[in-house]
N, C-alpha and C. Protein backbone atom coordinates (compact mmCIF):
# COMPACT_ATOMS: atom_id res chain seq x y z
N MET A 1 161.77 152.27 44.37
CA MET A 1 161.73 153.71 44.20
C MET A 1 161.61 154.38 45.56
N ARG A 2 162.41 155.41 45.72
CA ARG A 2 162.36 156.20 46.95
C ARG A 2 161.98 157.62 46.60
N TYR A 3 161.23 158.23 47.49
CA TYR A 3 160.77 159.59 47.28
C TYR A 3 161.03 160.42 48.53
N LYS A 4 161.09 161.72 48.32
CA LYS A 4 161.12 162.63 49.46
C LYS A 4 160.15 163.76 49.18
N GLU A 5 159.82 164.45 50.24
CA GLU A 5 158.87 165.55 50.12
C GLU A 5 159.53 166.77 49.50
N TYR A 6 158.77 167.47 48.70
CA TYR A 6 159.19 168.74 48.11
C TYR A 6 159.15 169.80 49.21
N ASN A 7 160.27 170.50 49.41
CA ASN A 7 160.36 171.51 50.46
C ASN A 7 159.84 172.84 49.93
N ARG A 8 158.56 173.05 50.06
CA ARG A 8 157.91 174.25 49.52
C ARG A 8 158.42 175.52 50.18
N GLN A 9 158.73 175.45 51.46
CA GLN A 9 159.22 176.64 52.16
C GLN A 9 160.58 177.08 51.62
N ALA A 10 161.46 176.13 51.34
CA ALA A 10 162.77 176.47 50.77
C ALA A 10 162.60 177.10 49.39
N THR A 11 161.63 176.61 48.63
CA THR A 11 161.33 177.18 47.31
C THR A 11 160.93 178.63 47.45
N ILE A 12 160.04 178.93 48.38
CA ILE A 12 159.53 180.29 48.57
C ILE A 12 160.64 181.21 49.09
N GLU A 13 161.44 180.73 50.01
CA GLU A 13 162.55 181.54 50.54
C GLU A 13 163.53 181.92 49.44
N TYR A 14 163.83 180.96 48.55
CA TYR A 14 164.72 181.26 47.43
C TYR A 14 164.07 182.29 46.50
N ALA A 15 162.81 182.11 46.20
CA ALA A 15 162.10 183.05 45.32
C ALA A 15 162.12 184.46 45.90
N LYS A 16 161.90 184.56 47.20
CA LYS A 16 161.90 185.88 47.84
C LYS A 16 163.27 186.54 47.75
N LYS A 17 164.31 185.75 47.94
CA LYS A 17 165.67 186.30 47.91
C LYS A 17 166.08 186.74 46.50
N TRP A 18 165.68 185.99 45.47
CA TRP A 18 166.24 186.21 44.13
C TRP A 18 165.25 186.72 43.08
N ALA A 19 163.99 186.94 43.41
CA ALA A 19 163.01 187.34 42.39
C ALA A 19 163.36 188.68 41.75
N LEU A 20 163.90 189.59 42.49
CA LEU A 20 164.15 190.94 41.97
C LEU A 20 165.62 191.20 41.65
N LYS A 21 166.42 190.14 41.68
CA LYS A 21 167.83 190.23 41.30
C LYS A 21 168.26 188.87 40.76
N ARG A 22 169.52 188.74 40.39
CA ARG A 22 170.00 187.50 39.80
C ARG A 22 171.03 186.83 40.69
N ASN A 23 170.89 185.52 40.85
CA ASN A 23 171.87 184.72 41.57
C ASN A 23 173.07 184.55 40.64
N PRO A 24 174.26 185.02 41.03
CA PRO A 24 175.42 184.93 40.14
C PRO A 24 175.86 183.49 39.86
N SER A 25 175.32 182.51 40.56
CA SER A 25 175.65 181.11 40.30
C SER A 25 174.97 180.59 39.03
N TYR A 26 174.03 181.36 38.49
CA TYR A 26 173.28 180.92 37.31
C TYR A 26 173.38 181.97 36.21
N TYR A 27 173.42 181.49 34.97
CA TYR A 27 173.43 182.37 33.81
C TYR A 27 172.09 183.11 33.73
N ASN A 28 172.14 184.37 33.34
CA ASN A 28 170.94 185.18 33.16
C ASN A 28 170.50 185.07 31.70
N PHE A 29 169.37 184.43 31.45
CA PHE A 29 168.88 184.18 30.10
C PHE A 29 168.01 185.32 29.55
N ASP A 30 167.95 186.46 30.23
CA ASP A 30 167.10 187.56 29.77
C ASP A 30 167.37 187.95 28.32
N ALA A 31 168.63 188.00 27.92
CA ALA A 31 168.99 188.46 26.58
C ALA A 31 168.78 187.39 25.51
N VAL A 32 168.47 186.17 25.91
CA VAL A 32 168.31 185.08 24.93
C VAL A 32 166.96 184.38 25.11
N GLY A 33 165.92 185.15 25.27
CA GLY A 33 164.58 184.58 25.32
C GLY A 33 163.87 184.71 26.65
N GLY A 34 164.59 185.06 27.71
CA GLY A 34 163.94 185.25 29.01
C GLY A 34 164.49 184.32 30.07
N ASP A 35 164.42 184.77 31.30
CA ASP A 35 164.98 184.05 32.45
C ASP A 35 163.90 183.42 33.33
N CYS A 36 162.63 183.51 32.93
CA CYS A 36 161.55 183.08 33.82
C CYS A 36 161.61 181.60 34.17
N THR A 37 161.88 180.75 33.19
CA THR A 37 161.86 179.31 33.46
C THR A 37 163.13 178.87 34.17
N SER A 38 164.25 179.50 33.88
CA SER A 38 165.47 179.22 34.63
C SER A 38 165.26 179.59 36.10
N PHE A 39 164.63 180.73 36.36
CA PHE A 39 164.35 181.13 37.73
C PHE A 39 163.41 180.13 38.41
N ALA A 40 162.38 179.69 37.71
CA ALA A 40 161.47 178.68 38.27
C ALA A 40 162.24 177.40 38.58
N SER A 41 163.13 176.99 37.68
CA SER A 41 163.95 175.79 37.92
C SER A 41 164.84 175.97 39.14
N GLN A 42 165.43 177.15 39.29
CA GLN A 42 166.26 177.42 40.47
C GLN A 42 165.43 177.27 41.74
N CYS A 43 164.22 177.80 41.71
CA CYS A 43 163.34 177.70 42.88
C CYS A 43 162.99 176.24 43.18
N ILE A 44 162.61 175.49 42.13
CA ILE A 44 162.27 174.08 42.32
C ILE A 44 163.48 173.32 42.85
N TYR A 45 164.66 173.64 42.33
CA TYR A 45 165.87 172.95 42.80
C TYR A 45 166.08 173.19 44.30
N GLN A 46 165.81 174.39 44.76
CA GLN A 46 165.97 174.66 46.20
C GLN A 46 165.03 173.80 47.03
N GLY A 47 163.87 173.49 46.48
CA GLY A 47 162.90 172.67 47.19
C GLY A 47 163.09 171.18 47.00
N SER A 48 163.93 170.80 46.03
CA SER A 48 164.12 169.37 45.75
C SER A 48 165.53 168.89 46.04
N LYS A 49 166.52 169.76 45.78
CA LYS A 49 167.94 169.44 45.99
C LYS A 49 168.42 168.24 45.20
N ILE A 50 167.76 167.97 44.07
CA ILE A 50 168.22 166.88 43.21
C ILE A 50 167.92 167.24 41.76
N MET A 51 168.87 166.95 40.90
CA MET A 51 168.69 167.16 39.47
C MET A 51 168.62 165.80 38.79
N ASN A 52 168.22 165.82 37.53
CA ASN A 52 168.17 164.62 36.70
C ASN A 52 169.11 164.87 35.53
N TYR A 53 170.23 164.16 35.50
CA TYR A 53 171.29 164.43 34.52
C TYR A 53 171.14 163.63 33.23
N GLN A 54 169.96 163.10 32.96
CA GLN A 54 169.73 162.40 31.69
C GLN A 54 169.88 163.43 30.56
N LYS A 55 170.76 163.15 29.62
CA LYS A 55 171.23 164.15 28.65
C LYS A 55 170.10 164.93 27.96
N ASP A 56 169.20 164.31 27.26
CA ASP A 56 168.20 165.05 26.49
C ASP A 56 166.88 165.23 27.23
N LEU A 57 166.54 164.31 28.09
CA LEU A 57 165.23 164.34 28.73
C LEU A 57 165.26 164.74 30.19
N GLY A 58 166.44 165.03 30.73
CA GLY A 58 166.57 165.35 32.15
C GLY A 58 166.27 166.80 32.47
N TRP A 59 166.67 167.15 33.68
CA TRP A 59 166.48 168.51 34.19
C TRP A 59 167.70 168.82 35.06
N TYR A 60 168.62 169.62 34.50
CA TYR A 60 169.86 169.90 35.23
C TYR A 60 170.48 171.21 34.73
N TYR A 61 171.36 171.74 35.57
CA TYR A 61 172.12 172.94 35.24
C TYR A 61 173.53 172.75 35.76
N ILE A 62 174.50 172.85 34.87
CA ILE A 62 175.91 172.87 35.26
C ILE A 62 176.45 174.28 35.04
N ASN A 63 176.16 174.84 33.85
CA ASN A 63 176.46 176.24 33.56
C ASN A 63 175.58 176.65 32.38
N GLY A 64 175.69 177.90 31.94
CA GLY A 64 174.83 178.42 30.89
C GLY A 64 174.93 177.66 29.58
N ASN A 65 176.05 177.01 29.33
CA ASN A 65 176.22 176.23 28.11
C ASN A 65 176.03 174.74 28.31
N ASN A 66 175.87 174.30 29.55
CA ASN A 66 175.71 172.88 29.85
C ASN A 66 174.53 172.72 30.80
N LYS A 67 173.37 172.65 30.20
CA LYS A 67 172.11 172.52 30.94
C LYS A 67 171.12 171.77 30.06
N SER A 68 170.10 171.25 30.68
CA SER A 68 169.06 170.57 29.91
C SER A 68 168.12 171.63 29.31
N PRO A 69 167.47 171.30 28.18
CA PRO A 69 166.47 172.23 27.63
C PRO A 69 165.37 172.54 28.64
N SER A 70 165.06 171.57 29.51
CA SER A 70 163.98 171.77 30.48
C SER A 70 164.34 172.77 31.57
N TRP A 71 165.62 173.07 31.74
CA TRP A 71 166.00 174.03 32.77
C TRP A 71 165.49 175.43 32.45
N SER A 72 165.51 175.80 31.18
CA SER A 72 165.18 177.19 30.83
C SER A 72 164.09 177.34 29.77
N GLY A 73 163.53 176.24 29.28
CA GLY A 73 162.48 176.31 28.27
C GLY A 73 161.11 176.01 28.85
N VAL A 74 160.15 176.88 28.60
CA VAL A 74 158.81 176.76 29.19
C VAL A 74 158.20 175.39 28.91
N GLU A 75 158.07 175.03 27.64
CA GLU A 75 157.42 173.76 27.29
C GLU A 75 158.27 172.57 27.73
N TYR A 76 159.59 172.69 27.63
CA TYR A 76 160.47 171.59 28.04
C TYR A 76 160.36 171.32 29.55
N LEU A 77 160.26 172.38 30.36
CA LEU A 77 160.09 172.18 31.79
C LEU A 77 158.77 171.47 32.07
N TYR A 78 157.71 171.94 31.43
CA TYR A 78 156.41 171.30 31.60
C TYR A 78 156.49 169.81 31.27
N GLN A 79 157.06 169.49 30.10
CA GLN A 79 157.14 168.09 29.67
C GLN A 79 157.98 167.26 30.65
N PHE A 80 159.08 167.83 31.13
CA PHE A 80 159.90 167.10 32.10
C PHE A 80 159.11 166.81 33.37
N LEU A 81 158.52 167.83 33.97
CA LEU A 81 157.83 167.66 35.25
C LEU A 81 156.66 166.68 35.15
N ILE A 82 155.90 166.77 34.07
CA ILE A 82 154.72 165.93 33.91
C ILE A 82 155.09 164.48 33.57
N ASN A 83 156.16 164.30 32.80
CA ASN A 83 156.51 162.97 32.30
C ASN A 83 157.69 162.31 33.01
N ASN A 84 158.30 162.98 33.97
CA ASN A 84 159.51 162.46 34.60
C ASN A 84 159.27 161.13 35.30
N LYS A 85 160.00 160.11 34.88
CA LYS A 85 159.95 158.80 35.53
C LYS A 85 161.27 158.49 36.24
N GLY A 86 162.22 159.43 36.16
CA GLY A 86 163.52 159.25 36.78
C GLY A 86 163.65 160.07 38.05
N THR A 87 164.88 160.41 38.40
CA THR A 87 165.12 161.21 39.60
C THR A 87 164.63 162.64 39.40
N GLY A 88 164.39 163.30 40.52
CA GLY A 88 164.01 164.70 40.48
C GLY A 88 162.52 164.92 40.70
N PRO A 89 162.09 166.17 40.51
CA PRO A 89 160.69 166.52 40.77
C PRO A 89 159.75 165.86 39.78
N GLN A 90 158.59 165.46 40.30
CA GLN A 90 157.52 164.90 39.49
C GLN A 90 156.25 165.67 39.79
N ALA A 91 155.51 165.99 38.72
CA ALA A 91 154.36 166.89 38.87
C ALA A 91 153.19 166.40 38.03
N ILE A 92 152.05 167.02 38.28
CA ILE A 92 150.85 166.81 37.48
C ILE A 92 150.29 168.17 37.08
N GLU A 93 149.61 168.20 35.95
CA GLU A 93 148.84 169.40 35.62
C GLU A 93 147.56 169.30 36.44
N THR A 94 147.17 170.40 37.04
CA THR A 94 146.04 170.37 37.96
C THR A 94 145.13 171.56 37.72
N THR A 95 144.19 171.73 38.62
CA THR A 95 143.28 172.88 38.55
C THR A 95 143.73 173.94 39.54
N GLN A 96 143.21 175.11 39.37
CA GLN A 96 143.53 176.22 40.27
C GLN A 96 143.21 175.87 41.72
N ASN A 97 142.18 175.09 41.95
CA ASN A 97 141.77 174.73 43.32
C ASN A 97 142.77 173.84 44.03
N ASN A 98 143.67 173.18 43.29
CA ASN A 98 144.58 172.21 43.89
C ASN A 98 146.03 172.66 43.97
N ILE A 99 146.29 173.92 43.70
CA ILE A 99 147.67 174.41 43.76
C ILE A 99 148.09 174.66 45.20
N GLU A 100 149.41 174.69 45.39
CA GLU A 100 150.00 175.04 46.68
C GLU A 100 151.17 175.98 46.42
N ILE A 101 151.66 176.62 47.47
CA ILE A 101 152.85 177.44 47.28
C ILE A 101 153.98 176.54 46.80
N GLY A 102 154.85 177.09 45.97
CA GLY A 102 155.93 176.31 45.40
C GLY A 102 155.57 175.64 44.09
N ASP A 103 154.30 175.63 43.74
CA ASP A 103 153.86 175.11 42.46
C ASP A 103 154.08 176.16 41.38
N LEU A 104 153.76 175.82 40.14
CA LEU A 104 153.99 176.72 39.01
C LEU A 104 152.70 177.03 38.28
N ALA A 105 152.70 178.18 37.63
CA ALA A 105 151.69 178.52 36.63
C ALA A 105 152.45 178.87 35.37
N GLN A 106 151.90 178.50 34.23
CA GLN A 106 152.49 178.90 32.96
C GLN A 106 151.42 179.61 32.15
N LEU A 107 151.83 180.70 31.50
CA LEU A 107 150.90 181.54 30.77
C LEU A 107 151.12 181.47 29.27
N SER A 108 150.02 181.54 28.54
CA SER A 108 150.04 181.68 27.09
C SER A 108 149.46 183.06 26.79
N PHE A 109 150.21 183.85 26.06
CA PHE A 109 149.76 185.20 25.73
C PHE A 109 149.07 185.25 24.37
N GLU A 110 149.42 184.31 23.49
CA GLU A 110 148.83 184.26 22.16
C GLU A 110 148.71 182.81 21.74
N GLY A 111 147.52 182.39 21.40
CA GLY A 111 147.34 181.05 20.85
C GLY A 111 147.62 179.94 21.83
N GLU A 112 148.22 178.87 21.31
CA GLU A 112 148.43 177.65 22.09
C GLU A 112 149.78 177.61 22.82
N THR A 113 150.71 178.45 22.44
CA THR A 113 152.07 178.37 22.98
C THR A 113 152.17 179.02 24.35
N PHE A 114 152.65 178.24 25.32
CA PHE A 114 152.90 178.80 26.64
C PHE A 114 154.28 179.44 26.65
N ALA A 115 154.38 180.64 27.22
CA ALA A 115 155.59 181.44 27.06
C ALA A 115 156.15 182.03 28.35
N HIS A 116 155.52 181.79 29.48
CA HIS A 116 156.00 182.42 30.72
C HIS A 116 155.72 181.48 31.88
N THR A 117 156.73 181.30 32.75
CA THR A 117 156.61 180.43 33.92
C THR A 117 156.67 181.27 35.19
N LEU A 118 155.74 181.02 36.09
CA LEU A 118 155.63 181.75 37.35
C LEU A 118 155.68 180.77 38.52
N VAL A 119 156.27 181.20 39.62
CA VAL A 119 156.33 180.39 40.84
C VAL A 119 155.28 180.95 41.80
N ILE A 120 154.43 180.11 42.32
CA ILE A 120 153.39 180.54 43.25
C ILE A 120 154.02 180.67 44.64
N VAL A 121 153.99 181.89 45.18
CA VAL A 121 154.66 182.15 46.46
C VAL A 121 153.70 182.42 47.62
N ARG A 122 152.45 182.75 47.30
CA ARG A 122 151.49 183.01 48.37
C ARG A 122 150.09 182.81 47.81
N ILE A 123 149.22 182.24 48.64
CA ILE A 123 147.84 182.03 48.24
C ILE A 123 146.94 182.64 49.31
N GLU A 124 146.29 183.73 48.94
CA GLU A 124 145.28 184.33 49.83
C GLU A 124 143.93 183.66 49.59
N SER A 125 143.67 183.35 48.32
CA SER A 125 142.46 182.66 47.93
C SER A 125 142.74 181.92 46.63
N LYS A 126 142.39 180.64 46.59
CA LYS A 126 142.56 179.87 45.36
C LYS A 126 141.46 180.17 44.35
N PHE A 127 140.46 180.90 44.76
CA PHE A 127 139.28 181.07 43.94
C PHE A 127 139.29 182.33 43.08
N THR A 128 140.31 183.17 43.25
CA THR A 128 140.46 184.33 42.38
C THR A 128 141.92 184.44 41.96
N LEU A 129 142.15 184.89 40.75
CA LEU A 129 143.54 185.08 40.30
C LEU A 129 144.21 186.19 41.10
N ARG A 130 143.44 187.12 41.60
CA ARG A 130 143.97 188.20 42.44
C ARG A 130 144.53 187.65 43.75
N GLY A 131 144.00 186.52 44.21
CA GLY A 131 144.41 185.93 45.47
C GLY A 131 145.61 185.00 45.37
N ILE A 132 146.14 184.82 44.16
CA ILE A 132 147.29 183.95 43.95
C ILE A 132 148.48 184.82 43.57
N LYS A 133 149.51 184.81 44.41
CA LYS A 133 150.68 185.69 44.23
C LYS A 133 151.86 184.89 43.72
N ILE A 134 152.63 185.52 42.84
CA ILE A 134 153.71 184.81 42.15
C ILE A 134 155.04 185.56 42.28
N ALA A 135 156.09 184.85 41.90
CA ALA A 135 157.42 185.43 41.71
C ALA A 135 157.86 185.02 40.31
N SER A 136 158.61 185.89 39.64
CA SER A 136 159.12 185.53 38.31
C SER A 136 160.29 186.42 37.93
N HIS A 137 161.02 185.92 36.95
CA HIS A 137 162.05 186.71 36.26
C HIS A 137 161.52 187.06 34.87
N THR A 138 162.33 187.77 34.12
CA THR A 138 162.02 188.37 32.82
C THR A 138 161.15 189.59 33.07
N PHE A 139 159.95 189.38 33.60
CA PHE A 139 159.14 190.48 34.12
C PHE A 139 159.27 190.36 35.64
N ASP A 140 160.40 190.85 36.18
CA ASP A 140 160.75 190.57 37.57
C ASP A 140 159.64 190.99 38.53
N SER A 141 159.23 190.03 39.35
CA SER A 141 158.12 190.26 40.27
C SER A 141 158.27 189.39 41.50
N PHE A 142 157.75 189.90 42.61
CA PHE A 142 157.58 189.08 43.81
C PHE A 142 156.28 189.51 44.47
N ASP A 143 155.47 188.54 44.84
CA ASP A 143 154.19 188.76 45.50
C ASP A 143 153.22 189.55 44.61
N LYS A 144 153.29 189.28 43.32
CA LYS A 144 152.43 189.94 42.33
C LYS A 144 151.22 189.03 42.05
N PRO A 145 150.02 189.58 42.01
CA PRO A 145 148.87 188.74 41.69
C PRO A 145 148.89 188.30 40.22
N ILE A 146 148.51 187.07 39.98
CA ILE A 146 148.46 186.58 38.60
C ILE A 146 147.48 187.42 37.78
N SER A 147 146.48 187.98 38.43
CA SER A 147 145.49 188.80 37.72
C SER A 147 146.11 190.04 37.08
N ALA A 148 147.33 190.41 37.46
CA ALA A 148 147.99 191.57 36.86
C ALA A 148 148.48 191.29 35.44
N TYR A 149 148.52 190.02 35.06
CA TYR A 149 148.95 189.65 33.71
C TYR A 149 147.76 189.64 32.76
N ASP A 150 148.03 189.99 31.50
CA ASP A 150 147.04 189.90 30.44
C ASP A 150 147.40 188.67 29.61
N PHE A 151 146.67 187.58 29.78
CA PHE A 151 147.02 186.33 29.11
C PHE A 151 145.76 185.68 28.55
N GLU A 152 145.98 184.74 27.62
CA GLU A 152 144.86 184.00 27.04
C GLU A 152 144.56 182.71 27.78
N LYS A 153 145.64 181.98 28.17
CA LYS A 153 145.46 180.68 28.82
C LYS A 153 146.44 180.55 29.97
N ILE A 154 146.05 179.71 30.93
CA ILE A 154 146.93 179.42 32.06
C ILE A 154 146.88 177.92 32.33
N ARG A 155 148.02 177.37 32.72
CA ARG A 155 148.02 175.98 33.20
C ARG A 155 148.75 175.95 34.53
N TRP A 156 148.27 175.07 35.38
CA TRP A 156 148.77 174.94 36.75
C TRP A 156 149.55 173.64 36.86
N ILE A 157 150.72 173.70 37.47
CA ILE A 157 151.59 172.53 37.62
C ILE A 157 151.83 172.31 39.11
N HIS A 158 151.34 171.18 39.61
CA HIS A 158 151.50 170.84 41.02
C HIS A 158 152.63 169.82 41.18
N ILE A 159 153.65 170.20 41.91
CA ILE A 159 154.76 169.29 42.17
C ILE A 159 154.35 168.35 43.30
N GLU A 160 154.29 167.07 42.97
CA GLU A 160 153.79 166.07 43.91
C GLU A 160 154.86 165.52 44.84
N LYS A 161 156.04 165.22 44.26
CA LYS A 161 157.08 164.55 45.06
C LYS A 161 158.40 164.65 44.33
N ILE A 162 159.44 164.26 45.03
CA ILE A 162 160.80 164.24 44.49
C ILE A 162 161.29 162.80 44.53
N ARG A 163 161.65 162.29 43.38
CA ARG A 163 162.17 160.92 43.32
C ARG A 163 163.68 160.97 43.51
N ILE A 164 164.18 160.15 44.43
CA ILE A 164 165.62 160.16 44.72
C ILE A 164 166.27 158.84 44.31
């Protein structure tokens, strides 16, 4: 097995460029459930430069009709990142204290279902939600504090490495 480092700076640069607009290379999922997880996947791809083309369990985007469920689905992305044993990004669920820029947060607004994916773009303080700044689509934002959201639960996803 070979690994490479996740390029967190490339992830943040992509987020800054595209958080408030849409990259025409990717389908805009706003009208079909939201674009937040597709945007997060685009950001992760910029930092990893590798996809996993395994048909049902992978993480890839060819076009809006030919992509893995994990590319644009909140829970599917989580399951891919946490359980990935193949090529591409590999992650762990972690605590707020262990996040870094380029990592993800996912929010649950009601009950157990997580429904929104955010890319962490700046950390002023890991100890307050106000000190953690994000970028996202659907509710387009860049450098917005997580504390601005009204949510019930949050989970933190730390991208550890990229398997090549």
